[in-house]
Amino acid sequence: MVERRIELDRRYTRKKKMKKLKEKLETATGEAREKLLYKIKRLSPFWTEPAKDKAK
């Protein structure tokens, strides 16, 4: 059960971190944006950036 708890804690931490990075990514430009994308890809290699919705 201890290992499972560790896994779960790691997952929750990753989710929180991803949420923060995605929020920052929305407003970031240039070099800061590239740095954020690098961090996101390092956390979640299969993540793809959603397409921008031009209808807004």
PDB file of N, CA and C in Angstrom:
ATOM      1  N   MET A   1       0.825  -1.192   0.000  1.00  0.00           N
ATOM      2  CA  MET A   1       0.000   0.000   0.000  1.00  0.00           C
ATOM      3  C   MET A   1       0.875   1.265   0.000  1.00  0.00           C
ATOM      4  N   VAL A   2       2.041   1.171   0.598  1.00  0.00           N
ATOM      5  CA  VAL A   2       2.935   2.326   0.665  1.00  0.00           C
ATOM      6  C   VAL A   2       3.363   2.765  -0.734  1.00  0.00           C
ATOM      7  N   GLU A   3       3.721   1.804  -1.568  1.00  0.00           N
ATOM      8  CA  GLU A   3       4.151   2.144  -2.928  1.00  0.00           C
ATOM      9  C   GLU A   3       3.025   2.786  -3.718  1.00  0.00           C
ATOM     10  N   ARG A   4       1.826   2.282  -3.526  1.00  0.00           N
ATOM     11  CA  ARG A   4       0.658   2.849  -4.224  1.00  0.00           C
ATOM     12  C   ARG A   4       0.442   4.291  -3.803  1.00  0.00           C
ATOM     13  N   ARG A   5       0.574   4.554  -2.512  1.00  0.00           N
ATOM     14  CA  ARG A   5       0.400   5.916  -2.005  1.00  0.00           C
ATOM     15  C   ARG A   5       1.440   6.859  -2.622  1.00  0.00           C
ATOM     16  N   ILE A   6       2.671   6.369  -2.727  1.00  0.00           N
ATOM     17  CA  ILE A   6       3.744   7.163  -3.325  1.00  0.00           C
ATOM     18  C   ILE A   6       3.412   7.462  -4.786  1.00  0.00           C
ATOM     19  N   GLU A   7       2.928   6.443  -5.510  1.00  0.00           N
ATOM     20  CA  GLU A   7       2.529   6.628  -6.911  1.00  0.00           C
ATOM     21  C   GLU A   7       1.439   7.682  -7.038  1.00  0.00           C
ATOM     22  N   LEU A   8       0.437   7.566  -6.179  1.00  0.00           N
ATOM     23  CA  LEU A   8      -0.678   8.512  -6.232  1.00  0.00           C
ATOM     24  C   LEU A   8      -0.215   9.936  -5.933  1.00  0.00           C
ATOM     25  N   ASP A   9       0.597  10.088  -4.909  1.00  0.00           N
ATOM     26  CA  ASP A   9       1.113  11.414  -4.567  1.00  0.00           C
ATOM     27  C   ASP A   9       1.894  12.018  -5.727  1.00  0.00           C
ATOM     28  N   ARG A  10       2.701  11.180  -6.383  1.00  0.00           N
ATOM     29  CA  ARG A  10       3.486  11.639  -7.523  1.00  0.00           C
ATOM     30  C   ARG A  10       2.560  12.108  -8.651  1.00  0.00           C
ATOM     31  N   ARG A  11       1.490  11.343  -8.880  1.00  0.00           N
ATOM     32  CA  ARG A  11       0.538  11.682  -9.928  1.00  0.00           C
ATOM     33  C   ARG A  11      -0.175  13.006  -9.627  1.00  0.00           C
ATOM     34  N   TYR A  12      -0.605  13.175  -8.366  1.00  0.00           N
ATOM     35  CA  TYR A  12      -1.294  14.414  -7.996  1.00  0.00           C
ATOM     36  C   TYR A  12      -0.379  15.623  -8.147  1.00  0.00           C
ATOM     37  N   THR A  13       0.871  15.462  -7.753  1.00  0.00           N
ATOM     38  CA  THR A  13       1.836  16.548  -7.876  1.00  0.00           C
ATOM     39  C   THR A  13       2.044  16.906  -9.342  1.00  0.00           C
ATOM     40  N   ARG A  14       2.153  15.870 -10.188  1.00  0.00           N
ATOM     41  CA  ARG A  14       2.345  16.091 -11.618  1.00  0.00           C
ATOM     42  C   ARG A  14       1.151  16.840 -12.215  1.00  0.00           C
ATOM     43  N   LYS A  15      -0.061  16.467 -11.803  1.00  0.00           N
ATOM     44  CA  LYS A  15      -1.266  17.131 -12.314  1.00  0.00           C
ATOM     45  C   LYS A  15      -1.283  18.611 -11.936  1.00  0.00           C
ATOM     46  N   LYS A  16      -0.927  18.907 -10.673  1.00  0.00           N
ATOM     47  CA  LYS A  16      -0.889  20.300 -10.219  1.00  0.00           C
ATOM     48  C   LYS A  16       0.128  21.106 -11.022  1.00  0.00           C
ATOM     49  N   LYS A  17       1.303  20.509 -11.213  1.00  0.00           N
ATOM     50  CA  LYS A  17       2.381  21.168 -11.930  1.00  0.00           C
ATOM     51  C   LYS A  17       1.988  21.420 -13.385  1.00  0.00           C
ATOM     52  N   MET A  18       1.359  20.424 -14.016  1.00  0.00           N
ATOM     53  CA  MET A  18       0.913  20.575 -15.409  1.00  0.00           C
ATOM     54  C   MET A  18      -0.112  21.689 -15.528  1.00  0.00           C
ATOM     55  N   LYS A  19      -1.018  21.756 -14.566  1.00  0.00           N
ATOM     56  CA  LYS A  19      -2.044  22.798 -14.593  1.00  0.00           C
ATOM     57  C   LYS A  19      -1.399  24.187 -14.546  1.00  0.00           C
ATOM     58  N   LYS A  20      -0.436  24.356 -13.648  1.00  0.00           N
ATOM     59  CA  LYS A  20       0.272  25.634 -13.528  1.00  0.00           C
ATOM     60  C   LYS A  20       1.002  25.984 -14.828  1.00  0.00           C
ATOM     61  N   LEU A  21       1.713  25.004 -15.379  1.00  0.00           N
ATOM     62  CA  LEU A  21       2.479  25.247 -16.600  1.00  0.00           C
ATOM     63  C   LEU A  21       1.562  25.591 -17.770  1.00  0.00           C
ATOM     64  N   LYS A  22       0.423  24.919 -17.885  1.00  0.00           N
ATOM     65  CA  LYS A  22      -0.518  25.188 -18.973  1.00  0.00           C
ATOM     66  C   LYS A  22      -1.110  26.588 -18.856  1.00  0.00           C
ATOM     67  N   GLU A  23      -1.393  27.027 -17.618  1.00  0.00           N
ATOM     68  CA  GLU A  23      -1.911  28.379 -17.415  1.00  0.00           C
ATOM     69  C   GLU A  23      -0.883  29.424 -17.835  1.00  0.00           C
ATOM     70  N   LYS A  24       0.375  29.208 -17.481  1.00  0.00           N
ATOM     71  CA  LYS A  24       1.434  30.137 -17.864  1.00  0.00           C
ATOM     72  C   LYS A  24       1.646  30.129 -19.374  1.00  0.00           C
ATOM     73  N   LEU A  25       1.482  28.968 -19.999  1.00  0.00           N
ATOM     74  CA  LEU A  25       1.702  28.816 -21.431  1.00  0.00           C
ATOM     75  C   LEU A  25       0.733  29.661 -22.250  1.00  0.00           C
ATOM     76  N   GLU A  26      -0.491  29.846 -21.747  1.00  0.00           N
ATOM     77  CA  GLU A  26      -1.504  30.613 -22.473  1.00  0.00           C
ATOM     78  C   GLU A  26      -1.053  32.049 -22.759  1.00  0.00           C
ATOM     79  N   THR A  27      -0.303  32.647 -21.844  1.00  0.00           N
ATOM     80  CA  THR A  27       0.097  34.041 -22.001  1.00  0.00           C
ATOM     81  C   THR A  27       1.557  34.216 -22.422  1.00  0.00           C
ATOM     82  N   ALA A  28       2.325  33.138 -22.367  1.00  0.00           N
ATOM     83  CA  ALA A  28       3.764  33.234 -22.646  1.00  0.00           C
ATOM     84  C   ALA A  28       4.045  33.409 -24.136  1.00  0.00           C
ATOM     85  N   THR A  29       5.143  34.107 -24.410  1.00  0.00           N
ATOM     86  CA  THR A  29       5.586  34.279 -25.795  1.00  0.00           C
ATOM     87  C   THR A  29       7.104  34.118 -25.861  1.00  0.00           C
ATOM     88  N   GLY A  30       7.582  33.846 -27.054  1.00  0.00           N
ATOM     89  CA  GLY A  30       9.024  33.796 -27.301  1.00  0.00           C
ATOM     90  C   GLY A  30       9.759  32.725 -26.533  1.00  0.00           C
ATOM     91  N   GLU A  31      10.876  33.128 -25.951  1.00  0.00           N
ATOM     92  CA  GLU A  31      11.759  32.197 -25.260  1.00  0.00           C
ATOM     93  C   GLU A  31      11.083  31.570 -24.037  1.00  0.00           C
ATOM     94  N   ALA A  32      10.284  32.354 -23.328  1.00  0.00           N
ATOM     95  CA  ALA A  32       9.588  31.834 -22.147  1.00  0.00           C
ATOM     96  C   ALA A  32       8.634  30.708 -22.545  1.00  0.00           C
ATOM     97  N   ARG A  33       7.993  30.870 -23.694  1.00  0.00           N
ATOM     98  CA  ARG A  33       7.068  29.849 -24.195  1.00  0.00           C
ATOM     99  C   ARG A  33       7.808  28.545 -24.509  1.00  0.00           C
ATOM    100  N   GLU A  34       8.969  28.672 -25.142  1.00  0.00           N
ATOM    101  CA  GLU A  34       9.765  27.492 -25.474  1.00  0.00           C
ATOM    102  C   GLU A  34      10.207  26.757 -24.206  1.00  0.00           C
ATOM    103  N   LYS A  35      10.577  27.529 -23.187  1.00  0.00           N
ATOM    104  CA  LYS A  35      11.008  26.940 -21.928  1.00  0.00           C
ATOM    105  C   LYS A  35       9.856  26.179 -21.266  1.00  0.00           C
ATOM    106  N   LEU A  36       8.659  26.766 -21.297  1.00  0.00           N
ATOM    107  CA  LEU A  36       7.490  26.104 -20.718  1.00  0.00           C
ATOM    108  C   LEU A  36       7.142  24.830 -21.481  1.00  0.00           C
ATOM    109  N   LEU A  37       7.224  24.889 -22.810  1.00  0.00           N
ATOM    110  CA  LEU A  37       6.943  23.706 -23.615  1.00  0.00           C
ATOM    111  C   LEU A  37       7.934  22.590 -23.302  1.00  0.00           C
ATOM    112  N   TYR A  38       9.186  22.961 -23.095  1.00  0.00           N
ATOM    113  CA  TYR A  38      10.211  21.980 -22.739  1.00  0.00           C
ATOM    114  C   TYR A  38       9.858  21.300 -21.414  1.00  0.00           C
ATOM    115  N   LYS A  39       9.455  22.098 -20.429  1.00  0.00           N
ATOM    116  CA  LYS A  39       9.118  21.556 -19.114  1.00  0.00           C
ATOM    117  C   LYS A  39       7.898  20.640 -19.193  1.00  0.00           C
ATOM    118  N   ILE A  40       6.909  21.045 -19.972  1.00  0.00           N
ATOM    119  CA  ILE A  40       5.705  20.227 -20.125  1.00  0.00           C
ATOM    120  C   ILE A  40       6.047  18.907 -20.799  1.00  0.00           C
ATOM    121  N   LYS A  41       6.837  18.962 -21.860  1.00  0.00           N
ATOM    122  CA  LYS A  41       7.220  17.743 -22.570  1.00  0.00           C
ATOM    123  C   LYS A  41       8.051  16.810 -21.681  1.00  0.00           C
ATOM    124  N   ARG A  42       8.850  17.381 -20.804  1.00  0.00           N
ATOM    125  CA  ARG A  42       9.653  16.573 -19.897  1.00  0.00           C
ATOM    126  C   ARG A  42       8.754  15.834 -18.900  1.00  0.00           C
ATOM    127  N   LEU A  43       7.696  16.508 -18.448  1.00  0.00           N
ATOM    128  CA  LEU A  43       6.752  15.888 -17.519  1.00  0.00           C
ATOM    129  C   LEU A  43       5.861  14.862 -18.209  1.00  0.00           C
ATOM    130  N   SER A  44       5.397  15.229 -19.407  1.00  0.00           N
ATOM    131  CA  SER A  44       4.438  14.394 -20.116  1.00  0.00           C
ATOM    132  C   SER A  44       4.819  14.336 -21.596  1.00  0.00           C
ATOM    133  N   PRO A  45       5.648  13.372 -21.981  1.00  0.00           N
ATOM    134  CA  PRO A  45       6.200  13.317 -23.343  1.00  0.00           C
ATOM    135  C   PRO A  45       5.173  13.228 -24.468  1.00  0.00           C
ATOM    136  N   PHE A  46       4.008  12.645 -24.213  1.00  0.00           N
ATOM    137  CA  PHE A  46       3.025  12.471 -25.278  1.00  0.00           C
ATOM    138  C   PHE A  46       2.008  13.604 -25.363  1.00  0.00           C
ATOM    139  N   TRP A  47       2.170  14.631 -24.522  1.00  0.00           N
ATOM    140  CA  TRP A  47       1.252  15.760 -24.521  1.00  0.00           C
ATOM    141  C   TRP A  47       1.407  16.554 -25.811  1.00  0.00           C
ATOM    142  N   THR A  48       0.279  16.960 -26.392  1.00  0.00           N
ATOM    143  CA  THR A  48       0.321  17.823 -27.569  1.00  0.00           C
ATOM    144  C   THR A  48      -0.468  19.081 -27.277  1.00  0.00           C
ATOM    145  N   GLU A  49       0.033  20.162 -27.787  1.00  0.00           N
ATOM    146  CA  GLU A  49      -0.610  21.456 -27.551  1.00  0.00           C
ATOM    147  C   GLU A  49      -1.936  21.510 -28.315  1.00  0.00           C
ATOM    148  N   PRO A  50      -3.015  21.903 -27.637  1.00  0.00           N
ATOM    149  CA  PRO A  50      -4.303  21.974 -28.337  1.00  0.00           C
ATOM    150  C   PRO A  50      -4.290  23.088 -29.381  1.00  0.00           C
ATOM    151  N   ALA A  51      -5.036  22.892 -30.454  1.00  0.00           N
ATOM    152  CA  ALA A  51      -5.112  23.893 -31.515  1.00  0.00           C
ATOM    153  C   ALA A  51      -5.815  25.139 -30.996  1.00  0.00           C
ATOM    154  N   LYS A  52      -5.346  26.291 -31.456  1.00  0.00           N
ATOM    155  CA  LYS A  52      -5.971  27.547 -31.069  1.00  0.00           C
ATOM    156  C   LYS A  52      -7.340  27.658 -31.719  1.00  0.00           C
ATOM    157  N   ASP A  53      -8.339  28.031 -30.941  1.00  0.00           N
ATOM    158  CA  ASP A  53      -9.690  28.199 -31.468  1.00  0.00           C
ATOM    159  C   ASP A  53      -9.837  29.639 -31.941  1.00  0.00           C
ATOM    160  N   LYS A  54      -9.985  29.847 -33.250  1.00  0.00           N
ATOM    161  CA  LYS A  54     -10.041  31.200 -33.808  1.00  0.00           C
ATOM    162  C   LYS A  54     -11.436  31.801 -33.733  1.00  0.00           C
ATOM    163  N   ALA A  55     -12.428  31.041 -33.303  1.00  0.00           N
ATOM    164  CA  ALA A  55     -13.805  31.526 -33.232  1.00  0.00           C
ATOM    165  C   ALA A  55     -13.996  32.494 -32.053  1.00  0.00           C
ATOM    166  N   LYS A  56     -13.084  32.472 -31.111  1.00  0.00           N
ATOM    167  CA  LYS A  56     -13.246  33.330 -29.922  1.00  0.00           C
ATOM    168  C   LYS A  56     -13.061  34.777 -30.236  1.00  0.00           C
TER     169      LYS A  56
END
